[in-house]
Amino acid sequence: MGLFDKLKNLVNKKEEIKDEEEKEIVKNYDEGLKKTREEFVSKLNILGIKYTKVSEEYFEELEETLIMADIGVNTVMKFMDKLRKRVKNENITDTAYLKEVIVDELLIIYVEGESLSDKINLSSSGPTVILMVGVNGVGKTTTIAKLAYKYINEGKKVMMIAGDTFRAGAVAQLEIWANKTGASFYGVENSDPASVIYDGLVKAKKEDIDIVLIDTAGRLQNKVNLMKELEKINKVIGMHIEGAPNETLLVIDAATGQNGITQAKAFKEITNITGIVLTKLDGTAKGGIVLAIKEEVNLPVKFIGLGEKMTDLKPFDIENYIYGLFKDMV
């Protein structure tokens, strides 16, 4: 069975779900990827009407469509090479059939190769420490709040530690979110971030906290300073809790598209990123960035933001993503 047939089966499976909770999650993906799907799939469909036979003009317009979906120039170039080879080897002339091949090859990008785990690595003893990194303005603080809300609703004790100590209002902003969600909080303004995190972890152990969410500064302008700061923070966390941080999650605003990929590459150079949180995916037509992250940065997307509500941060699910992106093509 080809991947396109699997996609058909997947779409049918998702549309026949009876479980209300699962149905709601599928609906979130459906609505959250609507802008990308409409932009991307409608353009592919128009291409199929405009050109019934495969031609160089068709390839050129297809390339442009893929780049506009923010799949990434490098990924698109590799993808186009593979597609041209398949067209030649399989003697494909009909654009209607080629559309199936396109979906096939796009799915291969995500499902091929090593399986990137989208699960959070929870600690078996002591608190699970999740370090949150990312430039300012990507939604890092609200992501921490949404994660706290998620884990508190699962019955876990959560603490937020404000490691972004020098940015005006950052500590106070995080404390407001801690109060709103019912999380514990530790933060001291204008202090050494590593010292604040150390003291926060002492408090977390005393309070038997299950999940510690640590905010960090988002200054990428001076990578050397940020690298040193994150090295120091990692050292302090590791000294205090063996095997921690359990996760270092990079928060990226999906609407920034390729700029987000650049941020991911830069942060990957300076610290050990274990996964990506992609925010504001519902507000953009750049949903193809998920494929670009896998292909160009080789990091798993662990959570995606599909709306403003506290419940709109969802664990990333490849099946639901593929359904949300391609369902109109079946």
C-alpha atoms as a PDB file:
ATOM      1  CA  MET A   1       0.000   0.000   0.000  1.00  0.00           C
ATOM      2  CA  GLY A   2       1.400   3.396  -1.012  1.00  0.00           C
ATOM      3  CA  LEU A   3       1.548   6.334   1.373  1.00  0.00           C
ATOM      4  CA  PHE A   4      -1.264   8.094  -0.484  1.00  0.00           C
ATOM      5  CA  ASP A   5      -3.534   5.094   0.156  1.00  0.00           C
ATOM      6  CA  LYS A   6      -2.449   5.198   3.784  1.00  0.00           C
ATOM      7  CA  LEU A   7      -3.417   8.881   3.826  1.00  0.00           C
ATOM      8  CA  LYS A   8      -6.886   7.993   2.522  1.00  0.00           C
ATOM      9  CA  ASN A   9      -7.243   5.390   5.282  1.00  0.00           C
ATOM     10  CA  LEU A  10      -5.972   7.890   7.853  1.00  0.00           C
ATOM     11  CA  VAL A  11      -8.514  10.528   6.776  1.00  0.00           C
ATOM     12  CA  ASN A  12     -11.326   7.974   6.988  1.00  0.00           C
ATOM     13  CA  LYS A  13     -10.105   6.816  10.391  1.00  0.00           C
ATOM     14  CA  LYS A  14      -9.959  10.370  11.782  1.00  0.00           C
ATOM     15  CA  GLU A  15     -13.402  11.228  10.458  1.00  0.00           C
ATOM     16  CA  GLU A  16     -14.947   8.138  12.047  1.00  0.00           C
ATOM     17  CA  ILE A  17     -13.574   8.713  15.574  1.00  0.00           C
ATOM     18  CA  LYS A  18     -16.264   8.295  18.239  1.00  0.00           C
ATOM     19  CA  ASP A  19     -14.323   9.197  21.415  1.00  0.00           C
ATOM     20  CA  GLU A  20     -15.284  12.805  22.260  1.00  0.00           C
ATOM     21  CA  GLU A  21     -11.888  13.823  23.671  1.00  0.00           C
ATOM     22  CA  GLU A  22     -10.008  12.414  20.688  1.00  0.00           C
ATOM     23  CA  LYS A  23     -12.527  13.972  18.315  1.00  0.00           C
ATOM     24  CA  GLU A  24     -11.867  17.376  19.923  1.00  0.00           C
ATOM     25  CA  ILE A  25      -8.094  17.040  19.433  1.00  0.00           C
ATOM     26  CA  VAL A  26      -8.539  16.109  15.742  1.00  0.00           C
ATOM     27  CA  LYS A  27     -10.853  19.130  15.368  1.00  0.00           C
ATOM     28  CA  ASN A  28      -8.161  21.371  16.930  1.00  0.00           C
ATOM     29  CA  TYR A  29      -5.626  20.187  14.349  1.00  0.00           C
ATOM     30  CA  ASP A  30      -8.165  20.535  11.559  1.00  0.00           C
ATOM     31  CA  GLU A  31      -8.983  24.138  12.507  1.00  0.00           C
ATOM     32  CA  GLY A  32      -5.416  25.043  13.511  1.00  0.00           C
ATOM     33  CA  LEU A  33      -3.988  24.008  10.143  1.00  0.00           C
ATOM     34  CA  LYS A  34      -6.871  25.455   8.132  1.00  0.00           C
ATOM     35  CA  LYS A  35      -4.938  28.498   6.856  1.00  0.00           C
ATOM     36  CA  THR A  36      -1.991  26.389   5.713  1.00  0.00           C
ATOM     37  CA  ARG A  37      -4.239  23.756   4.162  1.00  0.00           C
ATOM     38  CA  GLU A  38      -6.387  26.257   2.278  1.00  0.00           C
ATOM     39  CA  GLU A  39      -3.392  28.140   0.975  1.00  0.00           C
ATOM     40  CA  PHE A  40      -1.345  25.067   0.106  1.00  0.00           C
ATOM     41  CA  VAL A  41      -3.937  22.522  -1.074  1.00  0.00           C
ATOM     42  CA  SER A  42      -6.017  25.035  -3.035  1.00  0.00           C
ATOM     43  CA  LYS A  43      -2.854  26.104  -4.903  1.00  0.00           C
ATOM     44  CA  LEU A  44      -2.008  22.472  -5.672  1.00  0.00           C
ATOM     45  CA  ASN A  45      -5.546  21.871  -6.915  1.00  0.00           C
ATOM     46  CA  ILE A  46      -5.451  25.013  -9.092  1.00  0.00           C
ATOM     47  CA  LEU A  47      -2.132  23.824 -10.532  1.00  0.00           C
ATOM     48  CA  GLY A  48      -3.794  20.521 -11.472  1.00  0.00           C
ATOM     49  CA  ILE A  49      -6.566  22.387 -13.291  1.00  0.00           C
ATOM     50  CA  LYS A  50      -4.173  24.801 -15.000  1.00  0.00           C
ATOM     51  CA  TYR A  51      -1.848  22.028 -16.176  1.00  0.00           C
ATOM     52  CA  THR A  52      -3.238  18.585 -16.983  1.00  0.00           C
ATOM     53  CA  LYS A  53       0.153  17.409 -18.220  1.00  0.00           C
ATOM     54  CA  VAL A  54       3.444  17.588 -16.333  1.00  0.00           C
ATOM     55  CA  SER A  55       5.680  20.343 -17.719  1.00  0.00           C
ATOM     56  CA  GLU A  56       8.579  22.567 -16.682  1.00  0.00           C
ATOM     57  CA  GLU A  57       6.096  25.414 -16.005  1.00  0.00           C
ATOM     58  CA  TYR A  58       4.163  23.088 -13.684  1.00  0.00           C
ATOM     59  CA  PHE A  59       7.365  22.257 -11.760  1.00  0.00           C
ATOM     60  CA  GLU A  60       8.283  25.943 -11.444  1.00  0.00           C
ATOM     61  CA  GLU A  61       4.885  26.873 -10.012  1.00  0.00           C
ATOM     62  CA  LEU A  62       4.900  23.849  -7.713  1.00  0.00           C
ATOM     63  CA  GLU A  63       8.311  24.857  -6.360  1.00  0.00           C
ATOM     64  CA  GLU A  64       6.994  28.351  -5.607  1.00  0.00           C
ATOM     65  CA  THR A  65       3.898  26.916  -3.867  1.00  0.00           C
ATOM     66  CA  LEU A  66       6.033  24.704  -1.624  1.00  0.00           C
ATOM     67  CA  ILE A  67       8.376  27.563  -0.729  1.00  0.00           C
ATOM     68  CA  MET A  68       5.349  29.760   0.134  1.00  0.00           C
ATOM     69  CA  ALA A  69       4.105  27.013   2.505  1.00  0.00           C
ATOM     70  CA  ASP A  70       7.431  27.519   4.309  1.00  0.00           C
ATOM     71  CA  ILE A  71       8.690  24.010   3.847  1.00  0.00           C
ATOM     72  CA  GLY A  72      12.106  25.631   3.434  1.00  0.00           C
ATOM     73  CA  VAL A  73      14.203  26.299   0.337  1.00  0.00           C
ATOM     74  CA  ASN A  74      16.732  23.489   0.984  1.00  0.00           C
ATOM     75  CA  THR A  75      13.983  20.967   1.676  1.00  0.00           C
ATOM     76  CA  VAL A  76      12.049  22.093  -1.412  1.00  0.00           C
ATOM     77  CA  MET A  77      15.119  21.800  -3.664  1.00  0.00           C
ATOM     78  CA  LYS A  78      15.833  18.236  -2.470  1.00  0.00           C
ATOM     79  CA  PHE A  79      12.148  17.426  -2.773  1.00  0.00           C
ATOM     80  CA  MET A  80      11.934  18.745  -6.364  1.00  0.00           C
ATOM     81  CA  ASP A  81      14.967  16.657  -7.371  1.00  0.00           C
ATOM     82  CA  LYS A  82      13.320  13.500  -5.992  1.00  0.00           C
ATOM     83  CA  LEU A  83      10.040  14.376  -7.708  1.00  0.00           C
ATOM     84  CA  ARG A  84      11.655  14.962 -11.099  1.00  0.00           C
ATOM     85  CA  LYS A  85      13.443  11.600 -10.783  1.00  0.00           C
ATOM     86  CA  ARG A  86      10.190   9.802  -9.995  1.00  0.00           C
ATOM     87  CA  VAL A  87       8.406  11.513 -12.897  1.00  0.00           C
ATOM     88  CA  LYS A  88      11.187  10.415 -15.241  1.00  0.00           C
ATOM     89  CA  ASN A  89      11.576   6.844 -13.882  1.00  0.00           C
ATOM     90  CA  GLU A  90       7.841   6.153 -13.661  1.00  0.00           C
ATOM     91  CA  ASN A  91       7.051   8.088 -16.838  1.00  0.00           C
ATOM     92  CA  ILE A  92       4.406  10.214 -15.092  1.00  0.00           C
ATOM     93  CA  THR A  93       2.648  12.659 -17.421  1.00  0.00           C
ATOM     94  CA  ASP A  94      -0.694  13.207 -15.674  1.00  0.00           C
ATOM     95  CA  THR A  95      -0.750  15.983 -13.011  1.00  0.00           C
ATOM     96  CA  ALA A  96      -3.731  14.374 -11.217  1.00  0.00           C
ATOM     97  CA  TYR A  97      -1.631  11.294 -10.485  1.00  0.00           C
ATOM     98  CA  LEU A  98       1.421  13.454  -9.762  1.00  0.00           C
ATOM     99  CA  LYS A  99      -0.543  15.145  -6.963  1.00  0.00           C
ATOM    100  CA  GLU A 100      -0.681  11.767  -5.185  1.00  0.00           C
ATOM    101  CA  VAL A 101       3.066  11.365  -5.692  1.00  0.00           C
ATOM    102  CA  ILE A 102       3.654  14.856  -4.224  1.00  0.00           C
ATOM    103  CA  VAL A 103       1.740  13.982  -1.035  1.00  0.00           C
ATOM    104  CA  ASP A 104       3.571  10.639  -0.946  1.00  0.00           C
ATOM    105  CA  GLU A 105       6.983  12.345  -1.053  1.00  0.00           C
ATOM    106  CA  LEU A 106       6.022  15.039   1.483  1.00  0.00           C
ATOM    107  CA  LEU A 107       4.936  12.355   3.933  1.00  0.00           C
ATOM    108  CA  ILE A 108       8.204  10.486   3.383  1.00  0.00           C
ATOM    109  CA  ILE A 109      10.090  13.590   4.617  1.00  0.00           C
ATOM    110  CA  TYR A 110       8.414  13.289   7.991  1.00  0.00           C
ATOM    111  CA  VAL A 111       8.031   9.553   8.459  1.00  0.00           C
ATOM    112  CA  GLU A 112      11.362   8.459   6.986  1.00  0.00           C
ATOM    113  CA  GLY A 113      14.608   7.920   8.847  1.00  0.00           C
ATOM    114  CA  GLU A 114      15.068   7.845  12.574  1.00  0.00           C
ATOM    115  CA  SER A 115      11.927   8.206  14.598  1.00  0.00           C
ATOM    116  CA  LEU A 116      12.077  11.477  16.496  1.00  0.00           C
ATOM    117  CA  SER A 117      10.304  11.064  19.816  1.00  0.00           C
ATOM    118  CA  ASP A 118       7.648  13.671  20.514  1.00  0.00           C
ATOM    119  CA  LYS A 119       7.223  12.384  24.079  1.00  0.00           C
ATOM    120  CA  ILE A 120       8.502  14.355  27.065  1.00  0.00           C
ATOM    121  CA  ASN A 121      11.301  12.612  28.954  1.00  0.00           C
ATOM    122  CA  LEU A 122       9.881  12.481  32.496  1.00  0.00           C
ATOM    123  CA  SER A 123      12.178  11.788  35.448  1.00  0.00           C
ATOM    124  CA  SER A 124      11.643   8.552  37.348  1.00  0.00           C
ATOM    125  CA  SER A 125      12.931  10.073  40.601  1.00  0.00           C
ATOM    126  CA  GLY A 126      12.815  13.674  41.776  1.00  0.00           C
ATOM    127  CA  PRO A 127      11.395  16.556  39.781  1.00  0.00           C
ATOM    128  CA  THR A 128      11.352  16.589  35.975  1.00  0.00           C
ATOM    129  CA  VAL A 129      13.187  19.760  34.913  1.00  0.00           C
ATOM    130  CA  ILE A 130      12.137  21.394  31.646  1.00  0.00           C
ATOM    131  CA  LEU A 131      14.323  24.279  30.511  1.00  0.00           C
ATOM    132  CA  MET A 132      12.553  26.678  28.140  1.00  0.00           C
ATOM    133  CA  VAL A 133      14.635  28.676  25.652  1.00  0.00           C
ATOM    134  CA  GLY A 134      13.834  30.979  22.732  1.00  0.00           C
ATOM    135  CA  VAL A 135      14.061  34.599  21.630  1.00  0.00           C
ATOM    136  CA  ASN A 136      11.803  37.184  23.247  1.00  0.00           C
ATOM    137  CA  GLY A 137       8.369  37.634  21.716  1.00  0.00           C
ATOM    138  CA  VAL A 138       7.775  34.038  20.539  1.00  0.00           C
ATOM    139  CA  GLY A 139       5.302  33.233  23.336  1.00  0.00           C
ATOM    140  CA  LYS A 140       7.744  31.545  25.759  1.00  0.00           C
ATOM    141  CA  THR A 141       6.075  32.779  28.951  1.00  0.00           C
ATOM    142  CA  THR A 142       2.544  31.868  27.848  1.00  0.00           C
ATOM    143  CA  THR A 143       3.864  28.468  26.691  1.00  0.00           C
ATOM    144  CA  ILE A 144       5.254  27.879  30.201  1.00  0.00           C
ATOM    145  CA  ALA A 145       1.825  28.844  31.594  1.00  0.00           C
ATOM    146  CA  LYS A 146       0.042  26.458  29.199  1.00  0.00           C
ATOM    147  CA  LEU A 147       2.415  23.612  30.083  1.00  0.00           C
ATOM    148  CA  ALA A 148       1.882  24.308  33.796  1.00  0.00           C
ATOM    149  CA  TYR A 149      -1.885  24.268  33.254  1.00  0.00           C
ATOM    150  CA  LYS A 150      -1.632  20.946  31.375  1.00  0.00           C
ATOM    151  CA  TYR A 151       0.453  19.219  34.044  1.00  0.00           C
ATOM    152  CA  ILE A 152      -1.549  20.632  36.992  1.00  0.00           C
ATOM    153  CA  ASN A 153      -4.718  19.279  35.356  1.00  0.00           C
ATOM    154  CA  GLU A 154      -3.002  15.902  35.170  1.00  0.00           C
ATOM    155  CA  GLY A 155      -2.568  16.025  38.956  1.00  0.00           C
ATOM    156  CA  LYS A 156       1.108  17.057  38.994  1.00  0.00           C
ATOM    157  CA  LYS A 157       2.699  19.647  41.306  1.00  0.00           C
ATOM    158  CA  VAL A 158       4.338  22.289  39.121  1.00  0.00           C
ATOM    159  CA  MET A 159       6.823  25.073  39.817  1.00  0.00           C
ATOM    160  CA  MET A 160       7.914  27.938  37.578  1.00  0.00           C
ATOM    161  CA  ILE A 161      11.395  29.409  38.030  1.00  0.00           C
ATOM    162  CA  ALA A 162      12.128  32.814  36.513  1.00  0.00           C
ATOM    163  CA  GLY A 163      15.595  32.548  34.969  1.00  0.00           C
ATOM    164  CA  ASP A 164      15.068  35.631  32.755  1.00  0.00           C
ATOM    165  CA  THR A 165      16.138  37.902  35.604  1.00  0.00           C
ATOM    166  CA  PHE A 166      17.326  41.095  33.905  1.00  0.00           C
ATOM    167  CA  ARG A 167      14.547  41.808  31.390  1.00  0.00           C
ATOM    168  CA  ALA A 168      12.172  44.413  32.789  1.00  0.00           C
ATOM    169  CA  GLY A 169       8.928  42.846  34.000  1.00  0.00           C
ATOM    170  CA  ALA A 170       9.873  39.248  33.015  1.00  0.00           C
ATOM    171  CA  VAL A 171       9.931  37.902  36.606  1.00  0.00           C
ATOM    172  CA  ALA A 172       6.674  39.632  37.554  1.00  0.00           C
ATOM    173  CA  GLN A 173       4.976  38.400  34.364  1.00  0.00           C
ATOM    174  CA  LEU A 174       5.898  34.789  35.130  1.00  0.00           C
ATOM    175  CA  GLU A 175       4.698  35.148  38.739  1.00  0.00           C
ATOM    176  CA  ILE A 176       1.291  36.353  37.496  1.00  0.00           C
ATOM    177  CA  TRP A 177       1.022  33.220  35.339  1.00  0.00           C
ATOM    178  CA  ALA A 178       2.062  31.021  38.275  1.00  0.00           C
ATOM    179  CA  ASN A 179      -0.727  32.529  40.386  1.00  0.00           C
ATOM    180  CA  LYS A 180      -3.259  32.141  37.553  1.00  0.00           C
ATOM    181  CA  THR A 181      -2.453  28.467  36.970  1.00  0.00           C
ATOM    182  CA  GLY A 182      -1.895  27.495  40.600  1.00  0.00           C
ATOM    183  CA  ALA A 183       1.796  26.686  40.129  1.00  0.00           C
ATOM    184  CA  SER A 184       4.530  27.331  42.724  1.00  0.00           C
ATOM    185  CA  PHE A 185       6.932  30.124  41.852  1.00  0.00           C
ATOM    186  CA  TYR A 186      10.490  31.221  42.494  1.00  0.00           C
ATOM    187  CA  GLY A 187      12.150  34.319  41.090  1.00  0.00           C
ATOM    188  CA  VAL A 188      14.403  37.228  42.049  1.00  0.00           C
ATOM    189  CA  GLU A 189      14.857  40.248  39.774  1.00  0.00           C
ATOM    190  CA  ASN A 190      18.318  41.456  38.673  1.00  0.00           C
ATOM    191  CA  SER A 191      20.151  38.431  40.100  1.00  0.00           C
ATOM    192  CA  ASP A 192      22.460  35.864  38.551  1.00  0.00           C
ATOM    193  CA  PRO A 193      20.115  33.453  36.682  1.00  0.00           C
ATOM    194  CA  ALA A 194      22.061  30.315  37.686  1.00  0.00           C
ATOM    195  CA  SER A 195      21.895  31.284  41.406  1.00  0.00           C
ATOM    196  CA  VAL A 196      18.158  31.955  41.148  1.00  0.00           C
ATOM    197  CA  ILE A 197      17.630  28.582  39.450  1.00  0.00           C
ATOM    198  CA  TYR A 198      19.736  26.842  42.126  1.00  0.00           C
ATOM    199  CA  ASP A 199      17.643  28.346  44.940  1.00  0.00           C
ATOM    200  CA  GLY A 200      14.443  27.579  43.033  1.00  0.00           C
ATOM    201  CA  LEU A 201      15.432  23.905  42.711  1.00  0.00           C
ATOM    202  CA  VAL A 202      16.167  23.706  46.463  1.00  0.00           C
ATOM    203  CA  LYS A 203      12.621  24.981  47.048  1.00  0.00           C
ATOM    204  CA  ALA A 204      11.209  22.550  44.437  1.00  0.00           C
ATOM    205  CA  LYS A 205      12.759  19.557  46.208  1.00  0.00           C
ATOM    206  CA  LYS A 206      11.454  20.726  49.595  1.00  0.00           C
ATOM    207  CA  GLU A 207       7.939  21.084  48.164  1.00  0.00           C
ATOM    208  CA  ASP A 208       8.038  17.689  46.387  1.00  0.00           C
ATOM    209  CA  ILE A 209       7.425  19.325  43.007  1.00  0.00           C
ATOM    210  CA  ASP A 210       6.876  16.958  40.045  1.00  0.00           C
ATOM    211  CA  ILE A 211       7.566  19.322  37.121  1.00  0.00           C
ATOM    212  CA  VAL A 212       9.868  22.361  37.154  1.00  0.00           C
ATOM    213  CA  LEU A 213       9.507  24.801  34.233  1.00  0.00           C
ATOM    214  CA  ILE A 214      12.431  27.208  33.927  1.00  0.00           C
ATOM    215  CA  ASP A 215      12.243  30.422  31.910  1.00  0.00           C
ATOM    216  CA  THR A 216      15.493  31.763  30.429  1.00  0.00           C
ATOM    217  CA  ALA A 217      16.655  34.955  28.734  1.00  0.00           C
ATOM    218  CA  GLY A 218      16.007  35.228  25.002  1.00  0.00           C
ATOM    219  CA  ARG A 219      18.926  37.363  23.895  1.00  0.00           C
ATOM    220  CA  LEU A 220      20.365  35.786  20.766  1.00  0.00           C
ATOM    221  CA  GLN A 221      22.190  38.940  19.635  1.00  0.00           C
ATOM    222  CA  ASN A 222      25.264  37.950  21.636  1.00  0.00           C
ATOM    223  CA  LYS A 223      25.451  34.179  21.269  1.00  0.00           C
ATOM    224  CA  VAL A 224      28.665  33.833  23.296  1.00  0.00           C
ATOM    225  CA  ASN A 225      27.130  35.402  26.431  1.00  0.00           C
ATOM    226  CA  LEU A 226      23.939  33.372  26.117  1.00  0.00           C
ATOM    227  CA  MET A 227      25.958  30.203  25.558  1.00  0.00           C
ATOM    228  CA  LYS A 228      27.980  30.829  28.738  1.00  0.00           C
ATOM    229  CA  GLU A 229      24.815  31.600  30.686  1.00  0.00           C
ATOM    230  CA  LEU A 230      23.074  28.409  29.488  1.00  0.00           C
ATOM    231  CA  GLU A 231      26.202  26.330  30.178  1.00  0.00           C
ATOM    232  CA  LYS A 232      26.265  27.653  33.740  1.00  0.00           C
ATOM    233  CA  ILE A 233      22.517  27.025  34.165  1.00  0.00           C
ATOM    234  CA  ASN A 234      22.859  23.446  32.846  1.00  0.00           C
ATOM    235  CA  LYS A 235      25.780  22.795  35.202  1.00  0.00           C
ATOM    236  CA  VAL A 236      23.834  24.063  38.224  1.00  0.00           C
ATOM    237  CA  ILE A 237      20.749  22.012  37.327  1.00  0.00           C
ATOM    238  CA  GLY A 238      22.844  18.852  36.751  1.00  0.00           C
ATOM    239  CA  MET A 239      24.712  19.296  40.072  1.00  0.00           C
ATOM    240  CA  HIS A 240      21.445  19.613  41.929  1.00  0.00           C
ATOM    241  CA  ILE A 241      19.292  17.024  40.141  1.00  0.00           C
ATOM    242  CA  GLU A 242      21.009  14.090  38.463  1.00  0.00           C
ATOM    243  CA  GLY A 243      20.221  13.727  34.749  1.00  0.00           C
ATOM    244  CA  ALA A 244      18.504  17.131  34.592  1.00  0.00           C
ATOM    245  CA  PRO A 245      17.458  19.119  32.651  1.00  0.00           C
ATOM    246  CA  ASN A 246      15.282  16.316  31.302  1.00  0.00           C
ATOM    247  CA  GLU A 247      14.220  18.480  28.363  1.00  0.00           C
ATOM    248  CA  THR A 248      15.437  21.724  26.799  1.00  0.00           C
ATOM    249  CA  LEU A 249      12.575  22.980  24.670  1.00  0.00           C
ATOM    250  CA  LEU A 250      13.026  25.727  22.097  1.00  0.00           C
ATOM    251  CA  VAL A 251       9.945  27.877  21.561  1.00  0.00           C
ATOM    252  CA  ILE A 252       9.461  29.116  17.970  1.00  0.00           C
ATOM    253  CA  ASP A 253       6.684  31.312  16.601  1.00  0.00           C
ATOM    254  CA  ALA A 254       5.371  29.447  13.519  1.00  0.00           C
ATOM    255  CA  ALA A 255       4.447  32.743  11.850  1.00  0.00           C
ATOM    256  CA  THR A 256       8.143  33.679  11.576  1.00  0.00           C
ATOM    257  CA  GLY A 257       8.612  30.805   9.125  1.00  0.00           C
ATOM    258  CA  GLN A 258      12.212  30.461   7.955  1.00  0.00           C
ATOM    259  CA  ASN A 259      13.380  32.860  10.654  1.00  0.00           C
ATOM    260  CA  GLY A 260      12.261  30.180  13.111  1.00  0.00           C
ATOM    261  CA  ILE A 261      14.520  27.657  11.366  1.00  0.00           C
ATOM    262  CA  THR A 262      17.434  30.111  11.685  1.00  0.00           C
ATOM    263  CA  GLN A 263      16.685  30.471  15.424  1.00  0.00           C
ATOM    264  CA  ALA A 264      16.581  26.679  15.827  1.00  0.00           C
ATOM    265  CA  LYS A 265      19.969  26.303  14.130  1.00  0.00           C
ATOM    266  CA  ALA A 266      21.474  29.085  16.280  1.00  0.00           C
ATOM    267  CA  PHE A 267      20.160  27.653  19.574  1.00  0.00           C
ATOM    268  CA  LYS A 268      21.231  24.147  18.586  1.00  0.00           C
ATOM    269  CA  GLU A 269      24.790  25.490  18.263  1.00  0.00           C
ATOM    270  CA  ILE A 270      24.838  26.914  21.780  1.00  0.00           C
ATOM    271  CA  THR A 271      22.942  24.356  23.871  1.00  0.00           C
ATOM    272  CA  ASN A 272      21.518  20.832  23.777  1.00  0.00           C
ATOM    273  CA  ILE A 273      17.986  21.332  22.416  1.00  0.00           C
ATOM    274  CA  THR A 274      15.814  18.224  22.834  1.00  0.00           C
ATOM    275  CA  GLY A 275      12.632  19.458  21.167  1.00  0.00           C
ATOM    276  CA  ILE A 276      10.610  22.297  19.675  1.00  0.00           C
ATOM    277  CA  VAL A 277       7.418  23.995  20.798  1.00  0.00           C
ATOM    278  CA  LEU A 278       5.778  25.625  17.779  1.00  0.00           C
ATOM    279  CA  THR A 279       3.435  28.439  18.838  1.00  0.00           C
ATOM    280  CA  LYS A 280       0.721  30.320  16.886  1.00  0.00           C
ATOM    281  CA  LEU A 281       0.397  27.630  14.193  1.00  0.00           C
ATOM    282  CA  ASP A 282      -3.315  28.428  13.880  1.00  0.00           C
ATOM    283  CA  GLY A 283      -2.652  32.042  12.865  1.00  0.00           C
ATOM    284  CA  THR A 284      -0.393  31.352   9.909  1.00  0.00           C
ATOM    285  CA  ALA A 285      -0.334  29.655   6.506  1.00  0.00           C
ATOM    286  CA  LYS A 286       3.259  28.531   7.220  1.00  0.00           C
ATOM    287  CA  GLY A 287       2.347  25.127   8.702  1.00  0.00           C
ATOM    288  CA  GLY A 288       4.840  23.471   6.363  1.00  0.00           C
ATOM    289  CA  ILE A 289       7.537  24.645   8.797  1.00  0.00           C
ATOM    290  CA  VAL A 290       7.030  21.355  10.706  1.00  0.00           C
ATOM    291  CA  LEU A 291       8.512  19.494   7.704  1.00  0.00           C
ATOM    292  CA  ALA A 292      11.375  21.995   7.443  1.00  0.00           C
ATOM    293  CA  ILE A 293      12.252  21.578  11.150  1.00  0.00           C
ATOM    294  CA  LYS A 294      12.484  17.805  10.717  1.00  0.00           C
ATOM    295  CA  GLU A 295      14.492  18.008   7.489  1.00  0.00           C
ATOM    296  CA  GLU A 296      16.798  20.944   8.269  1.00  0.00           C
ATOM    297  CA  VAL A 297      17.267  20.857  12.048  1.00  0.00           C
ATOM    298  CA  ASN A 298      16.409  17.222  12.840  1.00  0.00           C
ATOM    299  CA  LEU A 299      14.639  18.063  16.082  1.00  0.00           C
ATOM    300  CA  PRO A 300      11.265  16.673  17.131  1.00  0.00           C
ATOM    301  CA  VAL A 301       8.314  19.031  17.493  1.00  0.00           C
ATOM    302  CA  LYS A 302       6.969  18.171  20.973  1.00  0.00           C
ATOM    303  CA  PHE A 303       4.084  20.648  21.304  1.00  0.00           C
ATOM    304  CA  ILE A 304       2.157  22.927  18.963  1.00  0.00           C
ATOM    305  CA  GLY A 305       0.058  25.977  19.785  1.00  0.00           C
ATOM    306  CA  LEU A 306      -3.305  25.889  18.003  1.00  0.00           C
ATOM    307  CA  GLY A 307      -5.020  28.855  19.676  1.00  0.00           C
ATOM    308  CA  GLU A 308      -5.112  31.346  22.550  1.00  0.00           C
ATOM    309  CA  LYS A 309      -6.841  29.199  25.189  1.00  0.00           C
ATOM    310  CA  MET A 310      -4.860  27.446  27.938  1.00  0.00           C
ATOM    311  CA  THR A 311      -5.973  24.099  26.488  1.00  0.00           C
ATOM    312  CA  ASP A 312      -4.779  24.985  22.959  1.00  0.00           C
ATOM    313  CA  LEU A 313      -1.195  23.795  23.455  1.00  0.00           C
ATOM    314  CA  LYS A 314      -1.263  20.209  22.175  1.00  0.00           C
ATOM    315  CA  PRO A 315       1.329  17.423  22.227  1.00  0.00           C
ATOM    316  CA  PHE A 316       2.456  17.060  18.617  1.00  0.00           C
ATOM    317  CA  ASP A 317       0.824  14.137  16.829  1.00  0.00           C
ATOM    318  CA  ILE A 318       2.128  13.301  13.341  1.00  0.00           C
ATOM    319  CA  GLU A 319      -1.104  11.556  12.260  1.00  0.00           C
ATOM    320  CA  ASN A 320      -3.272  14.507  13.267  1.00  0.00           C
ATOM    321  CA  TYR A 321      -0.817  16.919  11.623  1.00  0.00           C
ATOM    322  CA  ILE A 322      -0.864  14.982   8.339  1.00  0.00           C
ATOM    323  CA  TYR A 323      -4.673  14.813   8.514  1.00  0.00           C
ATOM    324  CA  GLY A 324      -4.943  18.556   9.165  1.00  0.00           C
ATOM    325  CA  LEU A 325      -2.560  19.409   6.348  1.00  0.00           C
ATOM    326  CA  PHE A 326      -3.662  17.023   3.584  1.00  0.00           C
ATOM    327  CA  LYS A 327      -7.265  15.947   4.263  1.00  0.00           C
ATOM    328  CA  ASP A 328      -8.689  18.057   1.413  1.00  0.00           C
ATOM    329  CA  MET A 329      -6.494  16.243  -1.099  1.00  0.00           C
ATOM    330  CA  VAL A 330      -8.230  12.898  -0.652  1.00  0.00           C
END
